[in-house]
N, C-alpha and C. Protein backbone atom coordinates (compact mmCIF):
# COMPACT_ATOMS: atom_id res chain seq x y z
N MET A 1 -7.10 -43.51 -36.66
CA MET A 1 -6.98 -42.27 -35.93
C MET A 1 -8.38 -41.77 -35.58
N PHE A 2 -8.48 -41.15 -34.42
CA PHE A 2 -9.74 -40.53 -34.08
C PHE A 2 -9.49 -39.11 -33.59
N TYR A 3 -10.55 -38.34 -33.45
CA TYR A 3 -10.45 -36.96 -33.03
C TYR A 3 -11.05 -36.79 -31.64
N ILE A 4 -10.45 -35.89 -30.88
CA ILE A 4 -10.90 -35.60 -29.53
C ILE A 4 -11.28 -34.12 -29.48
N TYR A 5 -12.41 -33.84 -28.86
CA TYR A 5 -12.86 -32.46 -28.71
C TYR A 5 -12.24 -31.86 -27.45
N CYS A 6 -11.51 -30.76 -27.60
CA CYS A 6 -10.93 -30.06 -26.46
C CYS A 6 -11.94 -29.01 -25.99
N PRO A 7 -12.42 -29.12 -24.74
CA PRO A 7 -13.42 -28.15 -24.27
C PRO A 7 -12.85 -26.75 -24.06
N TYR A 8 -11.54 -26.59 -24.06
CA TYR A 8 -10.94 -25.26 -23.91
C TYR A 8 -10.70 -24.61 -25.27
N CYS A 9 -10.15 -25.37 -26.22
CA CYS A 9 -9.93 -24.84 -27.57
C CYS A 9 -11.23 -24.79 -28.36
N GLU A 10 -12.21 -25.59 -27.93
CA GLU A 10 -13.52 -25.71 -28.56
C GLU A 10 -13.44 -26.16 -30.02
N GLU A 11 -12.59 -27.19 -30.24
CA GLU A 11 -12.51 -27.79 -31.56
C GLU A 11 -12.00 -29.23 -31.45
N HIS A 12 -12.31 -30.02 -32.47
CA HIS A 12 -11.84 -31.40 -32.54
C HIS A 12 -10.43 -31.41 -33.12
N ARG A 13 -9.54 -32.16 -32.45
CA ARG A 13 -8.16 -32.26 -32.90
C ARG A 13 -7.75 -33.73 -32.95
N GLU A 14 -6.69 -34.03 -33.69
CA GLU A 14 -6.22 -35.40 -33.82
C GLU A 14 -5.74 -35.93 -32.48
N GLU A 15 -5.94 -37.23 -32.26
CA GLU A 15 -5.59 -37.84 -30.98
C GLU A 15 -4.13 -37.69 -30.60
N GLU A 16 -3.23 -37.55 -31.57
CA GLU A 16 -1.81 -37.42 -31.28
C GLU A 16 -1.47 -36.18 -30.46
N GLU A 17 -2.39 -35.21 -30.44
CA GLU A 17 -2.16 -33.98 -29.69
C GLU A 17 -2.43 -34.14 -28.19
N PHE A 18 -3.02 -35.27 -27.81
CA PHE A 18 -3.49 -35.46 -26.44
C PHE A 18 -2.75 -36.61 -25.76
N HIS A 19 -2.75 -36.56 -24.43
CA HIS A 19 -2.15 -37.63 -23.63
C HIS A 19 -3.06 -37.94 -22.45
N ALA A 20 -3.29 -39.22 -22.19
CA ALA A 20 -4.05 -39.62 -21.02
C ALA A 20 -3.21 -39.41 -19.78
N ALA A 21 -3.84 -38.96 -18.70
CA ALA A 21 -3.11 -38.66 -17.46
C ALA A 21 -3.70 -39.41 -16.27
N GLY A 22 -4.48 -40.45 -16.52
CA GLY A 22 -4.99 -41.26 -15.42
C GLY A 22 -6.48 -41.08 -15.17
N GLU A 23 -6.91 -41.62 -14.06
CA GLU A 23 -8.31 -41.58 -13.68
C GLU A 23 -8.70 -40.18 -13.21
N ALA A 24 -9.89 -39.74 -13.58
CA ALA A 24 -10.38 -38.43 -13.17
C ALA A 24 -11.09 -38.50 -11.82
N HIS A 25 -11.27 -37.35 -11.23
CA HIS A 25 -12.06 -37.19 -9.99
C HIS A 25 -11.46 -37.93 -8.79
N ILE A 26 -10.14 -37.96 -8.68
CA ILE A 26 -9.47 -38.55 -7.52
C ILE A 26 -9.19 -37.41 -6.54
N PRO A 27 -9.90 -37.35 -5.42
CA PRO A 27 -9.66 -36.24 -4.48
C PRO A 27 -8.34 -36.40 -3.72
N ARG A 28 -7.57 -35.36 -3.69
CA ARG A 28 -6.31 -35.36 -2.94
C ARG A 28 -6.64 -35.30 -1.45
N PRO A 29 -5.92 -36.03 -0.61
CA PRO A 29 -6.16 -35.96 0.83
C PRO A 29 -6.02 -34.52 1.33
N LEU A 30 -6.91 -34.11 2.22
CA LEU A 30 -6.88 -32.74 2.74
C LEU A 30 -5.61 -32.43 3.51
N ASP A 31 -5.11 -33.40 4.27
CA ASP A 31 -3.89 -33.22 5.04
C ASP A 31 -2.94 -34.39 4.77
N PRO A 32 -2.14 -34.29 3.69
CA PRO A 32 -1.25 -35.41 3.33
C PRO A 32 -0.28 -35.80 4.44
N ASP A 33 0.14 -34.84 5.26
CA ASP A 33 1.07 -35.15 6.34
C ASP A 33 0.45 -36.04 7.41
N ALA A 34 -0.88 -36.01 7.52
CA ALA A 34 -1.56 -36.81 8.52
C ALA A 34 -1.94 -38.20 8.00
N CYS A 35 -1.72 -38.46 6.71
CA CYS A 35 -2.05 -39.76 6.13
C CYS A 35 -1.06 -40.83 6.57
N THR A 36 -1.57 -42.04 6.72
CA THR A 36 -0.68 -43.17 6.96
C THR A 36 -0.03 -43.54 5.63
N ASP A 37 1.00 -44.34 5.68
CA ASP A 37 1.64 -44.81 4.44
C ASP A 37 0.64 -45.57 3.58
N GLU A 38 -0.22 -46.34 4.22
CA GLU A 38 -1.23 -47.10 3.49
C GLU A 38 -2.22 -46.17 2.78
N GLU A 39 -2.69 -45.13 3.47
CA GLU A 39 -3.63 -44.18 2.87
C GLU A 39 -2.98 -43.41 1.71
N TRP A 40 -1.73 -43.00 1.91
CA TRP A 40 -1.03 -42.25 0.85
C TRP A 40 -0.77 -43.16 -0.35
N GLY A 41 -0.38 -44.40 -0.10
CA GLY A 41 -0.18 -45.35 -1.19
C GLY A 41 -1.45 -45.62 -1.96
N GLU A 42 -2.56 -45.72 -1.23
CA GLU A 42 -3.87 -45.92 -1.87
C GLU A 42 -4.18 -44.75 -2.80
N TYR A 43 -3.94 -43.53 -2.32
CA TYR A 43 -4.20 -42.34 -3.14
C TYR A 43 -3.30 -42.31 -4.38
N LEU A 44 -2.04 -42.61 -4.22
CA LEU A 44 -1.09 -42.51 -5.33
C LEU A 44 -1.20 -43.60 -6.38
N PHE A 45 -1.45 -44.83 -5.94
CA PHE A 45 -1.26 -45.96 -6.85
C PHE A 45 -2.49 -46.77 -7.21
N PHE A 46 -3.51 -46.80 -6.38
CA PHE A 46 -4.63 -47.68 -6.63
C PHE A 46 -5.74 -46.97 -7.37
N ARG A 47 -6.08 -47.51 -8.53
CA ARG A 47 -7.12 -46.93 -9.38
C ARG A 47 -8.10 -48.02 -9.79
N THR A 48 -9.28 -47.58 -10.18
CA THR A 48 -10.27 -48.54 -10.68
C THR A 48 -9.93 -48.87 -12.13
N ASN A 49 -10.42 -49.98 -12.59
CA ASN A 49 -10.21 -50.39 -13.97
C ASN A 49 -11.54 -50.97 -14.47
N PRO A 50 -12.55 -50.09 -14.62
CA PRO A 50 -13.89 -50.58 -14.92
C PRO A 50 -14.05 -51.03 -16.37
N ARG A 51 -15.01 -51.87 -16.54
CA ARG A 51 -15.43 -52.27 -17.88
C ARG A 51 -16.66 -51.43 -18.19
N GLY A 52 -16.57 -50.61 -19.21
CA GLY A 52 -17.68 -49.71 -19.55
C GLY A 52 -17.26 -48.26 -19.37
N LEU A 53 -18.18 -47.43 -18.88
CA LEU A 53 -17.90 -46.01 -18.73
C LEU A 53 -16.80 -45.76 -17.70
N HIS A 54 -15.90 -44.86 -18.06
CA HIS A 54 -14.79 -44.51 -17.18
C HIS A 54 -14.46 -43.04 -17.38
N HIS A 55 -14.23 -42.33 -16.27
CA HIS A 55 -13.87 -40.91 -16.33
C HIS A 55 -12.35 -40.81 -16.25
N GLU A 56 -11.76 -40.15 -17.25
CA GLU A 56 -10.31 -40.07 -17.36
C GLU A 56 -9.85 -38.62 -17.44
N LEU A 57 -8.65 -38.37 -16.94
CA LEU A 57 -8.02 -37.07 -17.03
C LEU A 57 -7.09 -37.08 -18.26
N TRP A 58 -7.21 -36.08 -19.10
CA TRP A 58 -6.38 -35.97 -20.30
C TRP A 58 -5.79 -34.57 -20.35
N VAL A 59 -4.73 -34.41 -21.15
CA VAL A 59 -4.12 -33.11 -21.36
C VAL A 59 -3.96 -32.88 -22.87
N HIS A 60 -4.23 -31.66 -23.29
CA HIS A 60 -4.04 -31.28 -24.70
C HIS A 60 -2.59 -30.79 -24.83
N GLY A 61 -1.67 -31.73 -24.90
CA GLY A 61 -0.25 -31.46 -24.84
C GLY A 61 0.31 -30.61 -25.96
N VAL A 62 -0.23 -30.74 -27.16
CA VAL A 62 0.30 -30.00 -28.30
C VAL A 62 -0.47 -28.71 -28.53
N GLY A 63 -1.67 -28.63 -27.96
CA GLY A 63 -2.51 -27.44 -28.15
C GLY A 63 -2.42 -26.48 -26.99
N CYS A 64 -3.52 -26.33 -26.27
CA CYS A 64 -3.61 -25.34 -25.19
C CYS A 64 -2.89 -25.78 -23.92
N ARG A 65 -2.50 -27.06 -23.83
CA ARG A 65 -1.78 -27.63 -22.69
C ARG A 65 -2.61 -27.67 -21.41
N LYS A 66 -3.91 -27.62 -21.54
CA LYS A 66 -4.79 -27.67 -20.37
C LYS A 66 -5.29 -29.08 -20.14
N TYR A 67 -5.55 -29.39 -18.88
CA TYR A 67 -6.12 -30.68 -18.50
C TYR A 67 -7.64 -30.60 -18.55
N PHE A 68 -8.26 -31.69 -18.95
CA PHE A 68 -9.71 -31.79 -18.98
C PHE A 68 -10.08 -33.25 -18.78
N ASN A 69 -11.37 -33.51 -18.63
CA ASN A 69 -11.85 -34.87 -18.38
C ASN A 69 -12.55 -35.43 -19.61
N ILE A 70 -12.48 -36.73 -19.75
CA ILE A 70 -13.17 -37.46 -20.82
C ILE A 70 -13.96 -38.59 -20.17
N THR A 71 -15.20 -38.78 -20.61
CA THR A 71 -15.94 -39.97 -20.26
C THR A 71 -15.86 -40.89 -21.47
N ARG A 72 -15.26 -42.06 -21.26
CA ARG A 72 -14.99 -42.98 -22.37
C ARG A 72 -15.47 -44.37 -22.01
N ASP A 73 -15.96 -45.09 -23.01
CA ASP A 73 -16.34 -46.49 -22.83
C ASP A 73 -15.10 -47.33 -23.07
N THR A 74 -14.65 -48.07 -22.06
CA THR A 74 -13.41 -48.83 -22.18
C THR A 74 -13.56 -50.08 -23.05
N GLN A 75 -14.79 -50.47 -23.36
CA GLN A 75 -14.99 -51.63 -24.23
C GLN A 75 -14.98 -51.24 -25.70
N THR A 76 -15.55 -50.10 -26.02
CA THR A 76 -15.68 -49.69 -27.42
C THR A 76 -14.74 -48.54 -27.79
N TYR A 77 -14.09 -47.93 -26.80
CA TYR A 77 -13.24 -46.74 -26.97
C TYR A 77 -14.02 -45.50 -27.37
N GLU A 78 -15.34 -45.58 -27.37
CA GLU A 78 -16.16 -44.43 -27.73
C GLU A 78 -16.05 -43.36 -26.65
N ILE A 79 -15.78 -42.14 -27.07
CA ILE A 79 -15.75 -41.00 -26.15
C ILE A 79 -17.16 -40.45 -26.09
N LYS A 80 -17.75 -40.49 -24.90
CA LYS A 80 -19.12 -40.02 -24.71
C LYS A 80 -19.18 -38.50 -24.55
N GLU A 81 -18.14 -37.93 -23.87
CA GLU A 81 -18.13 -36.49 -23.65
C GLU A 81 -16.74 -36.06 -23.21
N THR A 82 -16.46 -34.79 -23.39
CA THR A 82 -15.29 -34.15 -22.79
C THR A 82 -15.82 -32.96 -22.00
N TYR A 83 -15.18 -32.66 -20.88
CA TYR A 83 -15.66 -31.55 -20.05
C TYR A 83 -14.51 -30.97 -19.24
N LYS A 84 -14.66 -29.71 -18.89
CA LYS A 84 -13.61 -28.98 -18.18
C LYS A 84 -13.45 -29.49 -16.75
N ILE A 85 -12.26 -29.31 -16.21
CA ILE A 85 -11.98 -29.62 -14.82
C ILE A 85 -12.92 -28.78 -13.94
N GLY A 86 -13.47 -29.39 -12.92
CA GLY A 86 -14.35 -28.67 -12.00
C GLY A 86 -15.82 -28.78 -12.35
N THR A 87 -16.13 -29.35 -13.52
CA THR A 87 -17.53 -29.57 -13.87
C THR A 87 -17.85 -31.05 -13.73
N LYS A 88 -19.13 -31.36 -13.63
CA LYS A 88 -19.55 -32.75 -13.44
C LYS A 88 -19.86 -33.40 -14.79
N PRO A 89 -19.63 -34.71 -14.88
CA PRO A 89 -19.95 -35.41 -16.14
C PRO A 89 -21.45 -35.57 -16.32
N GLN A 90 -21.88 -35.60 -17.57
CA GLN A 90 -23.29 -35.87 -17.89
C GLN A 90 -23.58 -37.36 -17.83
N PHE A 91 -22.59 -38.18 -18.16
CA PHE A 91 -22.75 -39.63 -18.21
C PHE A 91 -22.09 -40.25 -16.98
N THR A 92 -22.82 -41.16 -16.32
CA THR A 92 -22.27 -41.89 -15.18
C THR A 92 -22.57 -43.36 -15.35
N ARG A 93 -21.95 -44.20 -14.53
CA ARG A 93 -22.17 -45.65 -14.62
C ARG A 93 -23.62 -46.01 -14.35
N ALA A 94 -24.31 -45.29 -13.47
CA ALA A 94 -25.71 -45.57 -13.18
C ALA A 94 -26.56 -45.42 -14.43
N GLU A 95 -26.27 -44.39 -15.23
CA GLU A 95 -27.00 -44.18 -16.47
C GLU A 95 -26.70 -45.25 -17.49
N GLU A 96 -25.48 -45.79 -17.46
CA GLU A 96 -25.08 -46.84 -18.39
C GLU A 96 -25.93 -48.09 -18.17
N ASN A 97 -26.23 -48.39 -16.91
CA ASN A 97 -26.99 -49.60 -16.58
C ASN A 97 -28.48 -49.43 -16.73
N ALA A 98 -28.97 -48.22 -16.94
CA ALA A 98 -30.41 -47.98 -17.04
C ALA A 98 -30.95 -48.32 -18.40
C-alpha cells in the first residue's frame, strides 16, 4: 500500500481512497459540434502511454471527491507530485531527460 497526497485535503491518505481517471491536460474541443467523427474519436479514445513521467487525472473518491493531477513515473510508480486542476506541473518529460 502507498499513500497519496491530496492537494485539497492537504494530507496523505491511503491509495484505496483514490481512483485514476485517465490522462491529465487533455483539452476539450472548443466546438464539439464542428468536430469530425475522427477528431471527436481522437479526443475521446486516444491517449499517450509513455514510459517514464506521465501526468494523470485522479479523484479523491472517499475524501473530498475533488479531481486533481498527479505526475507519476510509470516505470517505478513513484509519485513525483500532486497538484490542483488549473495549475501547471513542476516536473515535465524535458526535465526527466536532463
